[in-house]
Amino acid sequence: MLKKCMGDPSLIKPTEDIGIKDSLCYDKIPVQIQDRQVRKLRTKEVASVKDLWRNQFVEEATWEAEEDMKKRYPHLFESREVLT
């Protein structure tokens, strides 16, 4: 059976004293391109690349449009063009 618990109001800290930032975001940094794939739609073909991202806590991979990635992160494609 559960019992009612009364909290201690003296333990509650106001957020002004802690100093919480309004902007709690971080930058995602691409590390490398793992794979390339061309998807065929009805009227066109879309090239995608699988990017490995480095975050503060976890590394994750996502599929992104190749054109957008070349515009934002051209350094990832420089070493790849030399090899081909």
Foldseek 3Di string as FASTA:
>chain_A
DDDDDDDDVVPDDDPVVVDDDPDPDDDKAWDAWDDWDWDDDPPDIFIWTWTWIDDPPDIDIDIDTPVVCCVVPVVRCPVVVVVD
